[in-house]
PDB file of N, CA and C in Angstrom:
ATOM      1  N   MET A   1      27.748  22.225   0.369  1.00  0.00           N
ATOM      2  CA  MET A   1      26.295  22.351   0.387  1.00  0.00           C
ATOM      3  C   MET A   1      25.667  21.321  -0.546  1.00  0.00           C
ATOM      4  N   ASN A   2      24.479  20.872  -0.165  1.00  0.00           N
ATOM      5  CA  ASN A   2      23.714  19.939  -0.979  1.00  0.00           C
ATOM      6  C   ASN A   2      23.164  20.617  -2.221  1.00  0.00           C
ATOM      7  N   SER A   3      22.970  19.835  -3.257  1.00  0.00           N
ATOM      8  CA  SER A   3      22.161  20.335  -4.362  1.00  0.00           C
ATOM      9  C   SER A   3      20.711  20.125  -3.954  1.00  0.00           C
ATOM     10  N   CYS A   4      19.816  20.767  -4.661  1.00  0.00           N
ATOM     11  CA  CYS A   4      18.410  20.670  -4.276  1.00  0.00           C
ATOM     12  C   CYS A   4      17.506  20.792  -5.491  1.00  0.00           C
ATOM     13  N   THR A   5      16.250  20.504  -5.251  1.00  0.00           N
ATOM     14  CA  THR A   5      15.218  20.700  -6.258  1.00  0.00           C
ATOM     15  C   THR A   5      14.226  21.708  -5.706  1.00  0.00           C
ATOM     16  N   VAL A   6      13.930  22.708  -6.516  1.00  0.00           N
ATOM     17  CA  VAL A   6      12.946  23.729  -6.160  1.00  0.00           C
ATOM     18  C   VAL A   6      11.686  23.433  -6.962  1.00  0.00           C
ATOM     19  N   PHE A   7      10.582  23.262  -6.266  1.00  0.00           N
ATOM     20  CA  PHE A   7       9.285  23.008  -6.893  1.00  0.00           C
ATOM     21  C   PHE A   7       8.450  24.280  -6.802  1.00  0.00           C
ATOM     22  N   GLY A   8       7.847  24.667  -7.915  1.00  0.00           N
ATOM     23  CA  GLY A   8       6.999  25.852  -7.911  1.00  0.00           C
ATOM     24  C   GLY A   8       6.589  26.241  -9.309  1.00  0.00           C
ATOM     25  N   ILE A   9       6.286  27.513  -9.475  1.00  0.00           N
ATOM     26  CA  ILE A   9       5.978  28.066 -10.789  1.00  0.00           C
ATOM     27  C   ILE A   9       6.905  29.265 -11.006  1.00  0.00           C
ATOM     28  N   PRO A  10       7.364  29.452 -12.223  1.00  0.00           N
ATOM     29  CA  PRO A  10       8.405  30.453 -12.464  1.00  0.00           C
ATOM     30  C   PRO A  10       8.011  31.903 -12.192  1.00  0.00           C
ATOM     31  N   ASN A  11       6.741  32.240 -12.258  1.00  0.00           N
ATOM     32  CA  ASN A  11       6.349  33.642 -12.061  1.00  0.00           C
ATOM     33  C   ASN A  11       5.998  33.977 -10.614  1.00  0.00           C
ATOM     34  N   CYS A  12       6.197  33.031  -9.686  1.00  0.00           N
ATOM     35  CA  CYS A  12       5.915  33.257  -8.263  1.00  0.00           C
ATOM     36  C   CYS A  12       7.067  34.034  -7.634  1.00  0.00           C
ATOM     37  N   ASP A  13       6.764  35.135  -6.959  1.00  0.00           N
ATOM     38  CA  ASP A  13       7.808  35.958  -6.339  1.00  0.00           C
ATOM     39  C   ASP A  13       8.610  35.188  -5.293  1.00  0.00           C
ATOM     40  N   SER A  14       7.957  34.368  -4.497  1.00  0.00           N
ATOM     41  CA  SER A  14       8.679  33.595  -3.476  1.00  0.00           C
ATOM     42  C   SER A  14       9.642  32.604  -4.118  1.00  0.00           C
ATOM     43  N   VAL A  15       9.214  31.979  -5.186  1.00  0.00           N
ATOM     44  CA  VAL A  15      10.074  31.048  -5.911  1.00  0.00           C
ATOM     45  C   VAL A  15      11.262  31.800  -6.502  1.00  0.00           C
ATOM     46  N   LYS A  16      11.008  32.959  -7.093  1.00  0.00           N
ATOM     47  CA  LYS A  16      12.089  33.761  -7.668  1.00  0.00           C
ATOM     48  C   LYS A  16      13.115  34.144  -6.606  1.00  0.00           C
ATOM     49  N   LYS A  17      12.643  34.528  -5.423  1.00  0.00           N
ATOM     50  CA  LYS A  17      13.552  34.938  -4.339  1.00  0.00           C
ATOM     51  C   LYS A  17      14.425  33.773  -3.889  1.00  0.00           C
ATOM     52  N   VAL A  18      13.834  32.592  -3.748  1.00  0.00           N
ATOM     53  CA  VAL A  18      14.606  31.430  -3.321  1.00  0.00           C
ATOM     54  C   VAL A  18      15.620  31.042  -4.403  1.00  0.00           C
ATOM     55  N   CYS A  19      15.211  31.051  -5.653  1.00  0.00           N
ATOM     56  CA  CYS A  19      16.140  30.708  -6.741  1.00  0.00           C
ATOM     57  C   CYS A  19      17.291  31.706  -6.808  1.00  0.00           C
ATOM     58  N   THR A  20      16.994  32.981  -6.632  1.00  0.00           N
ATOM     59  CA  THR A  20      18.042  34.008  -6.619  1.00  0.00           C
ATOM     60  C   THR A  20      18.998  33.761  -5.461  1.00  0.00           C
ATOM     61  N   TRP A  21      18.461  33.471  -4.270  1.00  0.00           N
ATOM     62  CA  TRP A  21      19.295  33.212  -3.100  1.00  0.00           C
ATOM     63  C   TRP A  21      20.198  32.001  -3.328  1.00  0.00           C
ATOM     64  N   LEU A  22      19.631  30.945  -3.902  1.00  0.00           N
ATOM     65  CA  LEU A  22      20.429  29.744  -4.171  1.00  0.00           C
ATOM     66  C   LEU A  22      21.563  30.052  -5.148  1.00  0.00           C
ATOM     67  N   LYS A  23      21.266  30.807  -6.206  1.00  0.00           N
ATOM     68  CA  LYS A  23      22.303  31.182  -7.173  1.00  0.00           C
ATOM     69  C   LYS A  23      23.382  32.031  -6.508  1.00  0.00           C
ATOM     70  N   GLU A  24      22.981  33.007  -5.714  1.00  0.00           N
ATOM     71  CA  GLU A  24      23.940  33.891  -5.043  1.00  0.00           C
ATOM     72  C   GLU A  24      24.824  33.136  -4.053  1.00  0.00           C
ATOM     73  N   ASN A  25      24.319  32.024  -3.534  1.00  0.00           N
ATOM     74  CA  ASN A  25      25.073  31.230  -2.574  1.00  0.00           C
ATOM     75  C   ASN A  25      25.691  29.972  -3.203  1.00  0.00           C
ATOM     76  N   ASP A  26      25.735  29.965  -4.527  1.00  0.00           N
ATOM     77  CA  ASP A  26      26.366  28.872  -5.282  1.00  0.00           C
ATOM     78  C   ASP A  26      25.835  27.492  -4.915  1.00  0.00           C
ATOM     79  N   VAL A  27      24.533  27.412  -4.699  1.00  0.00           N
ATOM     80  CA  VAL A  27      23.898  26.129  -4.413  1.00  0.00           C
ATOM     81  C   VAL A  27      23.303  25.604  -5.723  1.00  0.00           C
ATOM     82  N   PRO A  28      23.801  24.467  -6.196  1.00  0.00           N
ATOM     83  CA  PRO A  28      23.220  23.912  -7.420  1.00  0.00           C
ATOM     84  C   PRO A  28      21.790  23.431  -7.178  1.00  0.00           C
ATOM     85  N   PHE A  29      20.931  23.702  -8.131  1.00  0.00           N
ATOM     86  CA  PHE A  29      19.543  23.263  -7.980  1.00  0.00           C
ATOM     87  C   PHE A  29      18.929  23.002  -9.337  1.00  0.00           C
ATOM     88  N   THR A  30      17.898  22.194  -9.307  1.00  0.00           N
ATOM     89  CA  THR A  30      17.064  22.004 -10.488  1.00  0.00           C
ATOM     90  C   THR A  30      15.700  22.581 -10.155  1.00  0.00           C
ATOM     91  N   PHE A  31      14.988  22.989 -11.185  1.00  0.00           N
ATOM     92  CA  PHE A  31      13.678  23.592 -10.995  1.00  0.00           C
ATOM     93  C   PHE A  31      12.614  22.683 -11.584  1.00  0.00           C
ATOM     94  N   HIS A  32      11.580  22.420 -10.789  1.00  0.00           N
ATOM     95  CA  HIS A  32      10.442  21.613 -11.231  1.00  0.00           C
ATOM     96  C   HIS A  32       9.232  22.533 -11.321  1.00  0.00           C
ATOM     97  N   ASN A  33       8.768  22.752 -12.528  1.00  0.00           N
ATOM     98  CA  ASN A  33       7.655  23.657 -12.792  1.00  0.00           C
ATOM     99  C   ASN A  33       6.335  22.879 -12.733  1.00  0.00           C
ATOM    100  N   TYR A  34       5.508  23.195 -11.734  1.00  0.00           N
ATOM    101  CA  TYR A  34       4.207  22.535 -11.606  1.00  0.00           C
ATOM    102  C   TYR A  34       3.342  22.711 -12.850  1.00  0.00           C
ATOM    103  N   LYS A  35       3.451  23.849 -13.481  1.00  0.00           N
ATOM    104  CA  LYS A  35       2.558  24.141 -14.612  1.00  0.00           C
ATOM    105  C   LYS A  35       2.858  23.242 -15.812  1.00  0.00           C
ATOM    106  N   THR A  36       4.127  22.893 -15.999  1.00  0.00           N
ATOM    107  CA  THR A  36       4.472  22.061 -17.152  1.00  0.00           C
ATOM    108  C   THR A  36       4.701  20.602 -16.791  1.00  0.00           C
ATOM    109  N   ALA A  37       5.108  20.339 -15.555  1.00  0.00           N
ATOM    110  CA  ALA A  37       5.450  18.968 -15.161  1.00  0.00           C
ATOM    111  C   ALA A  37       4.523  18.394 -14.096  1.00  0.00           C
ATOM    112  N   SER A  38       3.617  19.200 -13.567  1.00  0.00           N
ATOM    113  CA  SER A  38       2.664  18.778 -12.539  1.00  0.00           C
ATOM    114  C   SER A  38       3.385  18.193 -11.324  1.00  0.00           C
ATOM    115  N   ILE A  39       2.698  17.372 -10.571  1.00  0.00           N
ATOM    116  CA  ILE A  39       3.266  16.697  -9.405  1.00  0.00           C
ATOM    117  C   ILE A  39       2.506  15.389  -9.249  1.00  0.00           C
ATOM    118  N   ASP A  40       3.187  14.357  -8.793  1.00  0.00           N
ATOM    119  CA  ASP A  40       2.503  13.069  -8.671  1.00  0.00           C
ATOM    120  C   ASP A  40       2.037  12.837  -7.232  1.00  0.00           C
ATOM    121  N   LYS A  41       1.093  11.936  -7.098  1.00  0.00           N
ATOM    122  CA  LYS A  41       0.457  11.670  -5.812  1.00  0.00           C
ATOM    123  C   LYS A  41       1.463  11.160  -4.780  1.00  0.00           C
ATOM    124  N   GLN A  42       2.379  10.305  -5.188  1.00  0.00           N
ATOM    125  CA  GLN A  42       3.377   9.743  -4.266  1.00  0.00           C
ATOM    126  C   GLN A  42       4.257  10.842  -3.681  1.00  0.00           C
ATOM    127  N   THR A  43       4.739  11.752  -4.527  1.00  0.00           N
ATOM    128  CA  THR A  43       5.589  12.852  -4.063  1.00  0.00           C
ATOM    129  C   THR A  43       4.818  13.735  -3.087  1.00  0.00           C
ATOM    130  N   LEU A  44       3.611  14.090  -3.451  1.00  0.00           N
ATOM    131  CA  LEU A  44       2.794  14.932  -2.581  1.00  0.00           C
ATOM    132  C   LEU A  44       2.527  14.247  -1.237  1.00  0.00           C
ATOM    133  N   SER A  45       2.296  12.953  -1.259  1.00  0.00           N
ATOM    134  CA  SER A  45       2.076  12.188  -0.034  1.00  0.00           C
ATOM    135  C   SER A  45       3.330  12.190   0.844  1.00  0.00           C
ATOM    136  N   GLU A  46       4.499  12.056   0.232  1.00  0.00           N
ATOM    137  CA  GLU A  46       5.758  12.100   0.988  1.00  0.00           C
ATOM    138  C   GLU A  46       5.953  13.464   1.647  1.00  0.00           C
ATOM    139  N   TRP A  47       5.648  14.522   0.911  1.00  0.00           N
ATOM    140  CA  TRP A  47       5.749  15.868   1.485  1.00  0.00           C
ATOM    141  C   TRP A  47       4.785  16.029   2.652  1.00  0.00           C
ATOM    142  N   SER A  48       3.578  15.557   2.456  1.00  0.00           N
ATOM    143  CA  SER A  48       2.554  15.659   3.503  1.00  0.00           C
ATOM    144  C   SER A  48       2.984  14.912   4.753  1.00  0.00           C
ATOM    145  N   ASP A  49       3.572  13.738   4.575  1.00  0.00           N
ATOM    146  CA  ASP A  49       4.070  12.967   5.711  1.00  0.00           C
ATOM    147  C   ASP A  49       5.184  13.727   6.429  1.00  0.00           C
ATOM    148  N   ALA A  50       6.012  14.437   5.670  1.00  0.00           N
ATOM    149  CA  ALA A  50       7.172  15.130   6.241  1.00  0.00           C
ATOM    150  C   ALA A  50       6.789  16.419   6.979  1.00  0.00           C
ATOM    151  N   VAL A  51       5.874  17.201   6.404  1.00  0.00           N
ATOM    152  CA  VAL A  51       5.587  18.523   6.982  1.00  0.00           C
ATOM    153  C   VAL A  51       4.130  18.740   7.356  1.00  0.00           C
ATOM    154  N   GLY A  52       3.258  17.831   6.952  1.00  0.00           N
ATOM    155  CA  GLY A  52       1.830  17.982   7.223  1.00  0.00           C
ATOM    156  C   GLY A  52       1.104  18.658   6.066  1.00  0.00           C
ATOM    157  N   TRP A  53      -0.070  18.149   5.743  1.00  0.00           N
ATOM    158  CA  TRP A  53      -0.818  18.709   4.613  1.00  0.00           C
ATOM    159  C   TRP A  53      -1.248  20.141   4.885  1.00  0.00           C
ATOM    160  N   GLU A  54      -1.440  20.477   6.156  1.00  0.00           N
ATOM    161  CA  GLU A  54      -1.881  21.827   6.500  1.00  0.00           C
ATOM    162  C   GLU A  54      -0.834  22.873   6.104  1.00  0.00           C
ATOM    163  N   LYS A  55       0.439  22.505   6.202  1.00  0.00           N
ATOM    164  CA  LYS A  55       1.505  23.428   5.821  1.00  0.00           C
ATOM    165  C   LYS A  55       1.629  23.524   4.301  1.00  0.00           C
ATOM    166  N   LEU A  56       1.317  22.447   3.610  1.00  0.00           N
ATOM    167  CA  LEU A  56       1.435  22.427   2.147  1.00  0.00           C
ATOM    168  C   LEU A  56       0.303  23.162   1.441  1.00  0.00           C
ATOM    169  N   LEU A  57      -0.895  23.081   1.983  1.00  0.00           N
ATOM    170  CA  LEU A  57      -2.065  23.668   1.321  1.00  0.00           C
ATOM    171  C   LEU A  57      -2.115  25.171   1.579  1.00  0.00           C
ATOM    172  N   ASN A  58      -1.987  25.921   0.525  1.00  0.00           N
ATOM    173  CA  ASN A  58      -2.008  27.385   0.627  1.00  0.00           C
ATOM    174  C   ASN A  58      -3.451  27.874   0.495  1.00  0.00           C
ATOM    175  N   LYS A  59      -4.035  28.219   1.639  1.00  0.00           N
ATOM    176  CA  LYS A  59      -5.416  28.700   1.633  1.00  0.00           C
ATOM    177  C   LYS A  59      -5.496  30.226   1.601  1.00  0.00           C
ATOM    178  N   LYS A  60      -4.347  30.881   1.371  1.00  0.00           N
ATOM    179  CA  LYS A  60      -4.341  32.336   1.284  1.00  0.00           C
ATOM    180  C   LYS A  60      -4.280  32.844  -0.157  1.00  0.00           C
ATOM    181  N   GLY A  61      -3.997  31.966  -1.079  1.00  0.00           N
ATOM    182  CA  GLY A  61      -3.807  32.372  -2.470  1.00  0.00           C
ATOM    183  C   GLY A  61      -5.102  32.548  -3.239  1.00  0.00           C
ATOM    184  N   THR A  62      -4.983  33.141  -4.401  1.00  0.00           N
ATOM    185  CA  THR A  62      -6.162  33.408  -5.230  1.00  0.00           C
ATOM    186  C   THR A  62      -6.800  32.132  -5.755  1.00  0.00           C
ATOM    187  N   THR A  63      -6.020  31.107  -6.023  1.00  0.00           N
ATOM    188  CA  THR A  63      -6.602  29.854  -6.514  1.00  0.00           C
ATOM    189  C   THR A  63      -7.526  29.262  -5.459  1.00  0.00           C
ATOM    190  N   TRP A  64      -7.059  29.220  -4.213  1.00  0.00           N
ATOM    191  CA  TRP A  64      -7.900  28.677  -3.139  1.00  0.00           C
ATOM    192  C   TRP A  64      -9.179  29.486  -2.998  1.00  0.00           C
ATOM    193  N   LYS A  65      -9.047  30.792  -3.010  1.00  0.00           N
ATOM    194  CA  LYS A  65     -10.226  31.639  -2.843  1.00  0.00           C
ATOM    195  C   LYS A  65     -11.244  31.398  -3.950  1.00  0.00           C
ATOM    196  N   LYS A  66     -10.743  31.100  -5.137  1.00  0.00           N
ATOM    197  CA  LYS A  66     -11.625  30.847  -6.267  1.00  0.00           C
ATOM    198  C   LYS A  66     -12.331  29.492  -6.152  1.00  0.00           C
ATOM    199  N   ILE A  67     -11.620  28.477  -5.650  1.00  0.00           N
ATOM    200  CA  ILE A  67     -12.206  27.131  -5.618  1.00  0.00           C
ATOM    201  C   ILE A  67     -12.851  26.768  -4.281  1.00  0.00           C
ATOM    202  N   ALA A  68     -12.589  27.521  -3.236  1.00  0.00           N
ATOM    203  CA  ALA A  68     -13.103  27.193  -1.900  1.00  0.00           C
ATOM    204  C   ALA A  68     -14.614  26.942  -1.870  1.00  0.00           C
ATOM    205  N   PRO A  69     -15.423  27.730  -2.578  1.00  0.00           N
ATOM    206  CA  PRO A  69     -16.869  27.462  -2.540  1.00  0.00           C
ATOM    207  C   PRO A  69     -17.241  26.055  -3.017  1.00  0.00           C
ATOM    208  N   ASP A  70     -16.411  25.458  -3.882  1.00  0.00           N
ATOM    209  CA  ASP A  70     -16.684  24.102  -4.358  1.00  0.00           C
ATOM    210  C   ASP A  70     -16.574  23.066  -3.251  1.00  0.00           C
ATOM    211  N   TYR A  71     -15.893  23.420  -2.163  1.00  0.00           N
ATOM    212  CA  TYR A  71     -15.632  22.457  -1.090  1.00  0.00           C
ATOM    213  C   TYR A  71     -16.368  22.796   0.204  1.00  0.00           C
ATOM    214  N   GLU A  72     -17.249  23.782   0.145  1.00  0.00           N
ATOM    215  CA  GLU A  72     -18.036  24.130   1.330  1.00  0.00           C
ATOM    216  C   GLU A  72     -18.873  22.933   1.758  1.00  0.00           C
ATOM    217  N   GLY A  73     -18.901  22.712   3.071  1.00  0.00           N
ATOM    218  CA  GLY A  73     -19.674  21.604   3.607  1.00  0.00           C
ATOM    219  C   GLY A  73     -18.928  20.281   3.613  1.00  0.00           C
ATOM    220  N   LYS A  74     -17.747  20.241   3.015  1.00  0.00           N
ATOM    221  CA  LYS A  74     -16.950  19.019   3.005  1.00  0.00           C
ATOM    222  C   LYS A  74     -15.886  19.119   4.092  1.00  0.00           C
ATOM    223  N   ILE A  75     -15.530  17.990   4.652  1.00  0.00           N
ATOM    224  CA  ILE A  75     -14.492  17.957   5.679  1.00  0.00           C
ATOM    225  C   ILE A  75     -13.136  17.978   4.984  1.00  0.00           C
ATOM    226  N   LEU A  76     -12.374  19.013   5.276  1.00  0.00           N
ATOM    227  CA  LEU A  76     -11.057  19.153   4.670  1.00  0.00           C
ATOM    228  C   LEU A  76     -10.057  18.338   5.485  1.00  0.00           C
ATOM    229  N   ASP A  77      -9.691  17.187   4.946  1.00  0.00           N
ATOM    230  CA  ASP A  77      -8.718  16.323   5.605  1.00  0.00           C
ATOM    231  C   ASP A  77      -7.558  16.071   4.644  1.00  0.00           C
ATOM    232  N   GLU A  78      -6.642  15.207   5.042  1.00  0.00           N
ATOM    233  CA  GLU A  78      -5.461  14.958   4.217  1.00  0.00           C
ATOM    234  C   GLU A  78      -5.815  14.435   2.827  1.00  0.00           C
ATOM    235  N   ASN A  79      -6.791  13.554   2.746  1.00  0.00           N
ATOM    236  CA  ASN A  79      -7.171  12.990   1.445  1.00  0.00           C
ATOM    237  C   ASN A  79      -7.752  14.047   0.516  1.00  0.00           C
ATOM    238  N   LEU A  80      -8.699  14.838   1.024  1.00  0.00           N
ATOM    239  CA  LEU A  80      -9.311  15.874   0.198  1.00  0.00           C
ATOM    240  C   LEU A  80      -8.277  16.939  -0.169  1.00  0.00           C
ATOM    241  N   ALA A  81      -7.455  17.332   0.801  1.00  0.00           N
ATOM    242  CA  ALA A  81      -6.421  18.331   0.524  1.00  0.00           C
ATOM    243  C   ALA A  81      -5.469  17.829  -0.557  1.00  0.00           C
ATOM    244  N   GLY A  82      -5.095  16.561  -0.474  1.00  0.00           N
ATOM    245  CA  GLY A  82      -4.214  15.976  -1.491  1.00  0.00           C
ATOM    246  C   GLY A  82      -4.848  16.012  -2.867  1.00  0.00           C
ATOM    247  N   ASP A  83      -6.120  15.649  -2.940  1.00  0.00           N
ATOM    248  CA  ASP A  83      -6.831  15.693  -4.225  1.00  0.00           C
ATOM    249  C   ASP A  83      -6.877  17.116  -4.788  1.00  0.00           C
ATOM    250  N   ILE A  84      -7.135  18.081  -3.908  1.00  0.00           N
ATOM    251  CA  ILE A  84      -7.192  19.485  -4.341  1.00  0.00           C
ATOM    252  C   ILE A  84      -5.831  19.927  -4.870  1.00  0.00           C
ATOM    253  N   MET A  85      -4.753  19.602  -4.136  1.00  0.00           N
ATOM    254  CA  MET A  85      -3.422  20.030  -4.558  1.00  0.00           C
ATOM    255  C   MET A  85      -2.989  19.343  -5.848  1.00  0.00           C
ATOM    256  N   LEU A  86      -3.410  18.108  -6.060  1.00  0.00           N
ATOM    257  CA  LEU A  86      -3.085  17.428  -7.313  1.00  0.00           C
ATOM    258  C   LEU A  86      -3.814  18.061  -8.496  1.00  0.00           C
ATOM    259  N   GLU A  87      -5.067  18.416  -8.268  1.00  0.00           N
ATOM    260  CA  GLU A  87      -5.864  19.014  -9.350  1.00  0.00           C
ATOM    261  C   GLU A  87      -5.522  20.478  -9.577  1.00  0.00           C
ATOM    262  N   HIS A  88      -5.205  21.191  -8.507  1.00  0.00           N
ATOM    263  CA  HIS A  88      -4.904  22.626  -8.582  1.00  0.00           C
ATOM    264  C   HIS A  88      -3.532  22.859  -7.949  1.00  0.00           C
ATOM    265  N   THR A  89      -2.472  22.628  -8.711  1.00  0.00           N
ATOM    266  CA  THR A  89      -1.123  22.709  -8.142  1.00  0.00           C
ATOM    267  C   THR A  89      -0.795  24.097  -7.596  1.00  0.00           C
ATOM    268  N   SER A  90      -1.528  25.105  -8.015  1.00  0.00           N
ATOM    269  CA  SER A  90      -1.293  26.449  -7.484  1.00  0.00           C
ATOM    270  C   SER A  90      -1.710  26.569  -6.017  1.00  0.00           C
ATOM    271  N   THR A  91      -2.392  25.549  -5.486  1.00  0.00           N
ATOM    272  CA  THR A  91      -2.747  25.575  -4.069  1.00  0.00           C
ATOM    273  C   THR A  91      -1.639  24.998  -3.185  1.00  0.00           C
ATOM    274  N   ILE A  92      -0.559  24.530  -3.801  1.00  0.00           N
ATOM    275  CA  ILE A  92       0.579  24.048  -3.007  1.00  0.00           C
ATOM    276  C   ILE A  92       1.428  25.264  -2.660  1.00  0.00           C
ATOM    277  N   LYS A  93       1.691  25.434  -1.369  1.00  0.00           N
ATOM    278  CA  LYS A  93       2.498  26.564  -0.926  1.00  0.00           C
ATOM    279  C   LYS A  93       3.856  26.507  -1.620  1.00  0.00           C
ATOM    280  N   ARG A  94       4.333  27.668  -2.047  1.00  0.00           N
ATOM    281  CA  ARG A  94       5.577  27.722  -2.818  1.00  0.00           C
ATOM    282  C   ARG A  94       6.612  28.583  -2.125  1.00  0.00           C
ATOM    283  N   PRO A  95       7.861  28.240  -2.409  1.00  0.00           N
ATOM    284  CA  PRO A  95       8.346  27.032  -3.071  1.00  0.00           C
ATOM    285  C   PRO A  95       8.459  25.870  -2.088  1.00  0.00           C
ATOM    286  N   VAL A  96       8.520  24.685  -2.641  1.00  0.00           N
ATOM    287  CA  VAL A  96       8.902  23.508  -1.883  1.00  0.00           C
ATOM    288  C   VAL A  96      10.322  23.191  -2.334  1.00  0.00           C
ATOM    289  N   VAL A  97      11.250  23.106  -1.377  1.00  0.00           N
ATOM    290  CA  VAL A  97      12.647  22.814  -1.691  1.00  0.00           C
ATOM    291  C   VAL A  97      13.011  21.497  -1.024  1.00  0.00           C
ATOM    292  N   ILE A  98      13.578  20.597  -1.825  1.00  0.00           N
ATOM    293  CA  ILE A  98      13.934  19.266  -1.349  1.00  0.00           C
ATOM    294  C   ILE A  98      15.445  19.073  -1.478  1.00  0.00           C
ATOM    295  N   THR A  99      16.073  18.578  -0.410  1.00  0.00           N
ATOM    296  CA  THR A  99      17.465  18.148  -0.447  1.00  0.00           C
ATOM    297  C   THR A  99      17.540  16.776   0.205  1.00  0.00           C
ATOM    298  N   SER A 100      18.712  16.202   0.215  1.00  0.00           N
ATOM    299  CA  SER A 100      18.878  14.910   0.879  1.00  0.00           C
ATOM    300  C   SER A 100      18.691  15.030   2.393  1.00  0.00           C
ATOM    301  N   LYS A 101      18.770  16.247   2.922  1.00  0.00           N
ATOM    302  CA  LYS A 101      18.615  16.469   4.364  1.00  0.00           C
ATOM    303  C   LYS A 101      17.196  16.812   4.786  1.00  0.00           C
ATOM    304  N   GLY A 102      16.309  17.125   3.841  1.00  0.00           N
ATOM    305  CA  GLY A 102      14.951  17.465   4.251  1.00  0.00           C
ATOM    306  C   GLY A 102      14.186  18.295   3.252  1.00  0.00           C
ATOM    307  N   ILE A 103      13.155  18.940   3.778  1.00  0.00           N
ATOM    308  CA  ILE A 103      12.205  19.704   2.964  1.00  0.00           C
ATOM    309  C   ILE A 103      11.969  21.067   3.618  1.00  0.00           C
ATOM    310  N   SER A 104      11.854  22.066   2.777  1.00  0.00           N
ATOM    311  CA  SER A 104      11.514  23.421   3.221  1.00  0.00           C
ATOM    312  C   SER A 104      10.307  23.868   2.407  1.00  0.00           C
ATOM    313  N   VAL A 105       9.332  24.463   3.089  1.00  0.00           N
ATOM    314  CA  VAL A 105       8.109  24.898   2.416  1.00  0.00           C
ATOM    315  C   VAL A 105       7.911  26.386   2.643  1.00  0.00           C
ATOM    316  N   GLY A 106       7.699  27.112   1.556  1.00  0.00           N
ATOM    317  CA  GLY A 106       7.453  28.542   1.645  1.00  0.00           C
ATOM    318  C   GLY A 106       8.748  29.335   1.653  1.00  0.00           C
ATOM    319  N   LEU A 107       8.600  30.629   1.778  1.00  0.00           N
ATOM    320  CA  LEU A 107       9.738  31.539   1.772  1.00  0.00           C
ATOM    321  C   LEU A 107      10.302  31.613   3.188  1.00  0.00           C
ATOM    322  N   ASP A 108      11.195  30.669   3.505  1.00  0.00           N
ATOM    323  CA  ASP A 108      11.749  30.550   4.848  1.00  0.00           C
ATOM    324  C   ASP A 108      13.233  30.231   4.716  1.00  0.00           C
ATOM    325  N   PHE A 109      14.059  31.270   4.714  1.00  0.00           N
ATOM    326  CA  PHE A 109      15.484  31.084   4.480  1.00  0.00           C
ATOM    327  C   PHE A 109      16.163  30.320   5.609  1.00  0.00           C
ATOM    328  N   GLU A 110      15.695  30.455   6.841  1.00  0.00           N
ATOM    329  CA  GLU A 110      16.292  29.698   7.944  1.00  0.00           C
ATOM    330  C   GLU A 110      16.034  28.205   7.756  1.00  0.00           C
ATOM    331  N   ALA A 111      14.816  27.848   7.392  1.00  0.00           N
ATOM    332  CA  ALA A 111      14.502  26.437   7.130  1.00  0.00           C
ATOM    333  C   ALA A 111      15.302  25.939   5.935  1.00  0.00           C
ATOM    334  N   LEU A 112      15.440  26.766   4.922  1.00  0.00           N
ATOM    335  CA  LEU A 112      16.210  26.388   3.743  1.00  0.00           C
ATOM    336  C   LEU A 112      17.669  26.137   4.115  1.00  0.00           C
ATOM    337  N   LYS A 113      18.259  27.042   4.877  1.00  0.00           N
ATOM    338  CA  LYS A 113      19.658  26.863   5.304  1.00  0.00           C
ATOM    339  C   LYS A 113      19.831  25.567   6.095  1.00  0.00           C
ATOM    340  N   SER A 114      18.835  25.209   6.883  1.00  0.00           N
ATOM    341  CA  SER A 114      18.954  24.016   7.734  1.00  0.00           C
ATOM    342  C   SER A 114      18.976  22.718   6.950  1.00  0.00           C
ATOM    343  N   ILE A 115      18.510  22.731   5.693  1.00  0.00           N
ATOM    344  CA  ILE A 115      18.494  21.498   4.906  1.00  0.00           C
ATOM    345  C   ILE A 115      19.590  21.466   3.847  1.00  0.00           C
ATOM    346  N   LEU A 116      20.404  22.502   3.794  1.00  0.00           N
ATOM    347  CA  LEU A 116      21.490  22.538   2.811  1.00  0.00           C
ATOM    348  C   LEU A 116      22.770  21.990   3.412  1.00  0.00           C
TER     349      LEU A 116
END
């Protein structure tokens, strides 16, 4: 199995579940904490190219609900979504798991297995 990098925040239940699953299945991984290490524009752009910004932007979470009024009347496109996710990393759907075989977004064990 490939090693991987898990991107997220440590107190997220979905991130915890994926990390537990990886440990139970002896998959080596590193953890990238958005809260302490943020995310850079190039990485976010690569993810967006791979899976689409619509899949990356979590519009169901509390952060989005809190900031959504700030963006009323604006066209939500890839550029604006990218800016929002860079400024508010909690709006990135979690976890994002990266391996040499691909990317998995969200709590999706079948997608995760396919990239290991």
